[in-house]
Structures are given as structure tokens and as C-alpha cells.
Amino acid sequence: MELALTLPVVVVVLLAVVQVALVARSQILVVDAARAGARAAAVRAGAADAAARRTPGLQADRLEVWESSAGPGGDVEVRVRYRVRTDVPLVGALVGEPTLESTVTMAVEDEEADPG
């Protein structure tokens, strides 16, 4: 009798844990996308969007990328925002689609510098 009463609650809690793990995974990927975008923009202005969208595991149509740069010798800031799809049954409908965000700042590389 007790199992019949508690099983639905246990199942919903387990599904919620799975959904939280998926959102946490997406947050790690969003941070990675922002870093990739900032690295690309530090070398070549305007390259952040393409680099961030190439991050495996993120859907490009749910990704927004902003790049702002102070030019050579300054810093470039890349901000990435991602709407997470919640696919886990029951829990996804309760949670909605959270928006994750990450911002990374890197120094712009000097084009005249000789790496050798």
C-alpha cells in the first residue's frame, strides 16, 4: 500500500534530478561557448558568433551571442545566452525553458606582435 502511494512522488523526484543534471550540463556548455567565442574574437573581431555556435551539444537556433571589443590592446567581452529545452516528461512542463547566460572577457591580441 505504501509503495503505491510513494512511487509517483519518487518517480517525479528522480525525473527532476535528471532535468537538473541536463540543465547543469547545458550551463557548462554555455560557459564553453562563451570562452570559444572570446578566444576567436580576441584573434579576429567579429568571430565570436560563429565560434560560439560551433559548440557541440548546443542548438544554434536557441543561442544568442553578443560581442563588444575595445580594439587592439583592449579587451573583448562575449556574452552568450541559451534557452534550454526541457525534455524530461512531467518535470519539463513544470520548469519551463530556463535561460542560461555566461560572459567571458579576454585581452585582444596585438596583430603586429611576432609570436616567434
N, C-alpha and C. Protein backbone atom coordinates (compact mmCIF):
# COMPACT_ATOMS: atom_id res chain seq x y z
N MET A 1 0.81 -1.20 0.00
CA MET A 1 0.00 0.00 0.00
C MET A 1 0.86 1.27 0.00
N GLU A 2 1.90 1.27 0.86
CA GLU A 2 2.75 2.45 0.96
C GLU A 2 3.51 2.70 -0.35
N LEU A 3 3.91 1.60 -0.99
CA LEU A 3 4.63 1.74 -2.25
C LEU A 3 3.76 2.41 -3.30
N ALA A 4 2.51 2.07 -3.36
CA ALA A 4 1.59 2.66 -4.34
C ALA A 4 1.41 4.15 -4.08
N LEU A 5 1.53 4.57 -2.85
CA LEU A 5 1.38 6.00 -2.53
C LEU A 5 2.67 6.78 -2.78
N THR A 6 3.81 6.16 -2.51
CA THR A 6 5.07 6.89 -2.63
C THR A 6 5.74 6.78 -3.99
N LEU A 7 5.43 5.78 -4.77
CA LEU A 7 6.08 5.58 -6.06
C LEU A 7 5.93 6.78 -7.00
N PRO A 8 4.74 7.36 -7.15
CA PRO A 8 4.65 8.53 -8.04
C PRO A 8 5.52 9.70 -7.59
N VAL A 9 5.62 9.91 -6.30
CA VAL A 9 6.46 11.00 -5.78
C VAL A 9 7.93 10.70 -6.05
N VAL A 10 8.34 9.48 -5.83
CA VAL A 10 9.73 9.09 -6.08
C VAL A 10 10.07 9.24 -7.56
N VAL A 11 9.18 8.86 -8.43
CA VAL A 11 9.42 8.98 -9.87
C VAL A 11 9.56 10.45 -10.27
N VAL A 12 8.70 11.30 -9.77
CA VAL A 12 8.77 12.73 -10.10
C VAL A 12 10.08 13.33 -9.58
N VAL A 13 10.50 12.95 -8.38
CA VAL A 13 11.76 13.45 -7.83
C VAL A 13 12.94 12.98 -8.68
N LEU A 14 12.94 11.73 -9.09
CA LEU A 14 14.01 11.23 -9.95
C LEU A 14 14.04 11.94 -11.30
N LEU A 15 12.88 12.20 -11.86
CA LEU A 15 12.82 12.95 -13.12
C LEU A 15 13.33 14.38 -12.93
N ALA A 16 13.03 14.97 -11.80
CA ALA A 16 13.53 16.33 -11.51
C ALA A 16 15.05 16.33 -11.40
N VAL A 17 15.62 15.32 -10.79
CA VAL A 17 17.07 15.22 -10.68
C VAL A 17 17.70 15.09 -12.07
N VAL A 18 17.11 14.31 -12.92
CA VAL A 18 17.61 14.17 -14.30
C VAL A 18 17.54 15.51 -15.02
N GLN A 19 16.44 16.24 -14.86
CA GLN A 19 16.29 17.54 -15.53
C GLN A 19 17.32 18.53 -15.02
N VAL A 20 17.56 18.56 -13.72
CA VAL A 20 18.57 19.46 -13.16
C VAL A 20 19.95 19.11 -13.72
N ALA A 21 20.25 17.84 -13.84
CA ALA A 21 21.54 17.43 -14.40
C ALA A 21 21.68 17.88 -15.85
N LEU A 22 20.62 17.81 -16.62
CA LEU A 22 20.66 18.26 -18.02
C LEU A 22 20.85 19.77 -18.12
N VAL A 23 20.21 20.51 -17.23
CA VAL A 23 20.38 21.97 -17.23
C VAL A 23 21.81 22.32 -16.80
N ALA A 24 22.36 21.61 -15.81
CA ALA A 24 23.74 21.85 -15.38
C ALA A 24 24.72 21.56 -16.52
N ARG A 25 24.48 20.51 -17.27
CA ARG A 25 25.31 20.18 -18.43
C ARG A 25 25.25 21.31 -19.45
N SER A 26 24.06 21.83 -19.68
CA SER A 26 23.91 22.93 -20.63
C SER A 26 24.64 24.18 -20.15
N GLN A 27 24.64 24.44 -18.84
CA GLN A 27 25.36 25.60 -18.32
C GLN A 27 26.86 25.47 -18.59
N ILE A 28 27.39 24.28 -18.42
CA ILE A 28 28.81 24.06 -18.72
C ILE A 28 29.09 24.31 -20.19
N LEU A 29 28.20 23.88 -21.06
CA LEU A 29 28.37 24.10 -22.50
C LEU A 29 28.25 25.58 -22.86
N VAL A 30 27.39 26.31 -22.17
CA VAL A 30 27.25 27.75 -22.42
C VAL A 30 28.53 28.48 -22.03
N VAL A 31 29.12 28.11 -20.90
CA VAL A 31 30.40 28.71 -20.50
C VAL A 31 31.47 28.39 -21.54
N ASP A 32 31.49 27.16 -22.03
CA ASP A 32 32.45 26.77 -23.06
C ASP A 32 32.23 27.57 -24.34
N ALA A 33 30.98 27.79 -24.71
CA ALA A 33 30.68 28.57 -25.92
C ALA A 33 31.16 30.02 -25.77
N ALA A 34 30.97 30.59 -24.59
CA ALA A 34 31.43 31.96 -24.36
C ALA A 34 32.96 32.04 -24.42
N ARG A 35 33.63 31.04 -23.86
CA ARG A 35 35.10 31.02 -23.92
C ARG A 35 35.59 30.87 -25.35
N ALA A 36 34.96 29.98 -26.11
CA ALA A 36 35.36 29.79 -27.51
C ALA A 36 35.13 31.06 -28.30
N GLY A 37 34.01 31.73 -28.07
CA GLY A 37 33.73 32.98 -28.75
C GLY A 37 34.72 34.07 -28.39
N ALA A 38 35.07 34.15 -27.12
CA ALA A 38 36.03 35.18 -26.69
C ALA A 38 37.43 34.90 -27.25
N ARG A 39 37.82 33.63 -27.29
CA ARG A 39 39.13 33.30 -27.89
C ARG A 39 39.17 33.69 -29.36
N ALA A 40 38.09 33.37 -30.08
CA ALA A 40 38.05 33.70 -31.51
C ALA A 40 38.02 35.21 -31.73
N ALA A 41 37.26 35.92 -30.91
CA ALA A 41 37.15 37.37 -31.05
C ALA A 41 38.44 38.07 -30.64
N ALA A 42 39.21 37.47 -29.75
CA ALA A 42 40.48 38.07 -29.34
C ALA A 42 41.49 38.06 -30.49
N VAL A 43 41.34 37.10 -31.39
CA VAL A 43 42.23 36.99 -32.53
C VAL A 43 41.68 37.76 -33.73
N ARG A 44 40.37 37.65 -33.96
CA ARG A 44 39.75 38.30 -35.12
C ARG A 44 38.39 38.87 -34.71
N ALA A 45 38.23 40.16 -34.85
CA ALA A 45 36.97 40.83 -34.48
C ALA A 45 35.82 40.25 -35.29
N GLY A 46 34.69 40.02 -34.63
CA GLY A 46 33.50 39.53 -35.29
C GLY A 46 33.42 38.01 -35.40
N ALA A 47 34.39 37.30 -34.85
CA ALA A 47 34.42 35.85 -34.97
C ALA A 47 33.72 35.13 -33.83
N ALA A 48 33.24 35.86 -32.83
CA ALA A 48 32.67 35.22 -31.64
C ALA A 48 31.41 34.43 -31.95
N ASP A 49 30.54 34.97 -32.76
CA ASP A 49 29.25 34.31 -33.04
C ASP A 49 29.45 32.94 -33.67
N ALA A 50 30.26 32.88 -34.70
CA ALA A 50 30.48 31.60 -35.39
C ALA A 50 31.16 30.59 -34.48
N ALA A 51 32.13 31.04 -33.68
CA ALA A 51 32.85 30.12 -32.80
C ALA A 51 31.92 29.59 -31.71
N ALA A 52 31.10 30.44 -31.14
CA ALA A 52 30.18 30.00 -30.07
C ALA A 52 29.14 29.03 -30.61
N ARG A 53 28.67 29.27 -31.82
CA ARG A 53 27.64 28.40 -32.40
C ARG A 53 28.17 27.02 -32.78
N ARG A 54 29.48 26.87 -32.87
CA ARG A 54 30.07 25.57 -33.18
C ARG A 54 30.22 24.67 -31.95
N THR A 55 29.82 25.14 -30.79
CA THR A 55 29.95 24.34 -29.57
C THR A 55 29.06 23.11 -29.65
N PRO A 56 29.64 21.93 -29.57
CA PRO A 56 28.82 20.71 -29.64
C PRO A 56 27.88 20.61 -28.45
N GLY A 57 26.67 20.15 -28.70
CA GLY A 57 25.70 19.96 -27.63
C GLY A 57 24.72 21.10 -27.46
N LEU A 58 24.98 22.23 -28.12
CA LEU A 58 24.05 23.37 -28.05
C LEU A 58 23.37 23.54 -29.41
N GLN A 59 22.10 23.87 -29.38
CA GLN A 59 21.36 24.12 -30.62
C GLN A 59 21.53 25.58 -31.01
N ALA A 60 22.06 25.81 -32.19
CA ALA A 60 22.40 27.16 -32.64
C ALA A 60 21.18 28.08 -32.68
N ASP A 61 20.00 27.55 -32.96
CA ASP A 61 18.82 28.41 -33.04
C ASP A 61 18.32 28.87 -31.66
N ARG A 62 18.84 28.32 -30.59
CA ARG A 62 18.46 28.72 -29.23
C ARG A 62 19.55 29.57 -28.57
N LEU A 63 20.57 29.93 -29.34
CA LEU A 63 21.75 30.61 -28.83
C LEU A 63 21.78 32.06 -29.31
N GLU A 64 22.11 32.97 -28.38
CA GLU A 64 22.31 34.38 -28.73
C GLU A 64 23.71 34.76 -28.29
N VAL A 65 24.44 35.47 -29.15
CA VAL A 65 25.82 35.84 -28.86
C VAL A 65 26.00 37.34 -29.08
N TRP A 66 26.61 38.01 -28.09
CA TRP A 66 26.95 39.43 -28.21
C TRP A 66 28.44 39.58 -28.02
N GLU A 67 29.04 40.42 -28.84
CA GLU A 67 30.48 40.68 -28.77
C GLU A 67 30.70 42.18 -28.69
N SER A 68 31.53 42.60 -27.73
CA SER A 68 31.93 44.01 -27.67
C SER A 68 33.43 44.06 -27.44
N SER A 69 34.11 44.91 -28.21
CA SER A 69 35.56 44.96 -28.16
C SER A 69 36.04 46.40 -28.05
N ALA A 70 37.13 46.56 -27.32
CA ALA A 70 37.76 47.88 -27.20
C ALA A 70 38.85 48.05 -28.24
N GLY A 71 39.04 47.06 -29.11
CA GLY A 71 40.05 47.15 -30.16
C GLY A 71 41.39 46.61 -29.70
N PRO A 72 42.41 46.69 -30.58
CA PRO A 72 43.74 46.15 -30.26
C PRO A 72 44.28 46.74 -28.96
N GLY A 73 44.81 45.86 -28.12
CA GLY A 73 45.35 46.30 -26.84
C GLY A 73 44.29 46.38 -25.74
N GLY A 74 43.03 46.29 -26.11
CA GLY A 74 41.95 46.35 -25.12
C GLY A 74 41.42 44.96 -24.82
N ASP A 75 40.19 44.92 -24.37
CA ASP A 75 39.54 43.65 -24.05
C ASP A 75 38.36 43.42 -24.96
N VAL A 76 38.04 42.15 -25.18
CA VAL A 76 36.83 41.77 -25.88
C VAL A 76 35.95 41.04 -24.87
N GLU A 77 34.67 41.37 -24.88
CA GLU A 77 33.72 40.71 -23.99
C GLU A 77 32.68 39.99 -24.84
N VAL A 78 32.47 38.73 -24.54
CA VAL A 78 31.49 37.93 -25.27
C VAL A 78 30.47 37.41 -24.26
N ARG A 79 29.21 37.66 -24.58
CA ARG A 79 28.12 37.18 -23.72
C ARG A 79 27.27 36.21 -24.53
N VAL A 80 26.98 35.06 -23.94
CA VAL A 80 26.19 34.03 -24.59
C VAL A 80 24.97 33.75 -23.74
N ARG A 81 23.83 33.70 -24.39
CA ARG A 81 22.57 33.36 -23.72
C ARG A 81 21.96 32.18 -24.47
N TYR A 82 21.44 31.21 -23.69
CA TYR A 82 20.92 29.98 -24.28
C TYR A 82 19.63 29.57 -23.58
N ARG A 83 18.59 29.29 -24.37
CA ARG A 83 17.32 28.78 -23.83
C ARG A 83 17.38 27.26 -23.84
N VAL A 84 17.30 26.67 -22.66
CA VAL A 84 17.41 25.22 -22.52
C VAL A 84 16.06 24.58 -22.79
N ARG A 85 16.08 23.57 -23.62
CA ARG A 85 14.87 22.78 -23.86
C ARG A 85 14.73 21.79 -22.72
N THR A 86 13.56 21.72 -22.12
CA THR A 86 13.32 20.77 -21.04
C THR A 86 12.50 19.62 -21.60
N ASP A 87 13.17 18.51 -21.80
CA ASP A 87 12.56 17.36 -22.47
C ASP A 87 12.08 16.27 -21.51
N VAL A 88 12.42 16.37 -20.24
CA VAL A 88 12.05 15.32 -19.30
C VAL A 88 10.55 15.37 -19.06
N PRO A 89 9.85 14.24 -19.21
CA PRO A 89 8.41 14.21 -19.01
C PRO A 89 8.01 14.71 -17.62
N LEU A 90 6.86 15.32 -17.52
CA LEU A 90 6.29 15.88 -16.30
C LEU A 90 7.06 17.08 -15.79
N VAL A 91 8.34 16.92 -15.53
CA VAL A 91 9.13 17.99 -14.95
C VAL A 91 9.34 19.13 -15.95
N GLY A 92 9.57 18.80 -17.21
CA GLY A 92 9.78 19.82 -18.22
C GLY A 92 8.63 20.80 -18.31
N ALA A 93 7.42 20.30 -18.20
CA ALA A 93 6.25 21.17 -18.25
C ALA A 93 6.17 22.07 -17.02
N LEU A 94 6.65 21.61 -15.89
CA LEU A 94 6.62 22.40 -14.66
C LEU A 94 7.71 23.46 -14.63
N VAL A 95 8.87 23.13 -15.16
CA VAL A 95 10.02 24.02 -15.09
C VAL A 95 9.98 25.09 -16.17
N GLY A 96 9.50 24.76 -17.34
CA GLY A 96 9.55 25.69 -18.46
C GLY A 96 10.90 25.59 -19.14
N GLU A 97 11.31 26.64 -19.82
CA GLU A 97 12.60 26.66 -20.51
C GLU A 97 13.49 27.71 -19.87
N PRO A 98 14.39 27.28 -18.96
CA PRO A 98 15.27 28.26 -18.32
C PRO A 98 16.26 28.86 -19.31
N THR A 99 16.67 30.09 -19.04
CA THR A 99 17.66 30.77 -19.87
C THR A 99 18.97 30.83 -19.11
N LEU A 100 20.02 30.33 -19.73
CA LEU A 100 21.35 30.31 -19.13
C LEU A 100 22.20 31.37 -19.79
N GLU A 101 23.15 31.92 -19.04
CA GLU A 101 23.96 33.00 -19.57
C GLU A 101 25.38 32.90 -19.04
N SER A 102 26.34 33.31 -19.87
CA SER A 102 27.74 33.37 -19.46
C SER A 102 28.42 34.52 -20.19
N THR A 103 29.32 35.19 -19.48
CA THR A 103 30.09 36.29 -20.06
C THR A 103 31.57 36.02 -19.83
N VAL A 104 32.38 36.18 -20.88
CA VAL A 104 33.82 35.98 -20.79
C VAL A 104 34.52 37.20 -21.38
N THR A 105 35.55 37.67 -20.70
CA THR A 105 36.36 38.80 -21.17
C THR A 105 37.79 38.33 -21.38
N MET A 106 38.36 38.67 -22.54
CA MET A 106 39.75 38.32 -22.85
C MET A 106 40.44 39.52 -23.47
N ALA A 107 41.75 39.53 -23.36
CA ALA A 107 42.55 40.59 -23.98
C ALA A 107 42.62 40.36 -25.49
N VAL A 108 42.45 41.43 -26.24
CA VAL A 108 42.57 41.35 -27.70
C VAL A 108 44.04 41.21 -28.04
N GLU A 109 44.35 40.26 -28.92
CA GLU A 109 45.73 40.04 -29.31
C GLU A 109 46.20 41.11 -30.25
N ASP A 110 47.42 41.53 -30.06
CA ASP A 110 48.04 42.55 -30.90
C ASP A 110 48.41 41.93 -32.23
N GLU A 111 47.92 42.49 -33.33
CA GLU A 111 48.15 41.92 -34.66
C GLU A 111 49.59 42.06 -35.11
N GLU A 112 50.32 43.05 -34.60
CA GLU A 112 51.70 43.27 -35.03
C GLU A 112 52.70 42.42 -34.25
N ALA A 113 52.25 41.79 -33.18
CA ALA A 113 53.18 41.02 -32.34
C ALA A 113 53.69 39.81 -33.11
N ASP A 114 54.98 39.55 -32.99
CA ASP A 114 55.60 38.40 -33.65
C ASP A 114 55.64 37.25 -32.66
N PRO A 115 54.91 36.14 -32.93
CA PRO A 115 54.87 35.05 -31.96
C PRO A 115 56.17 34.26 -31.88
N GLY A 116 57.07 34.45 -32.83
CA GLY A 116 58.29 33.65 -32.88
C GLY A 116 59.36 34.22 -32.09
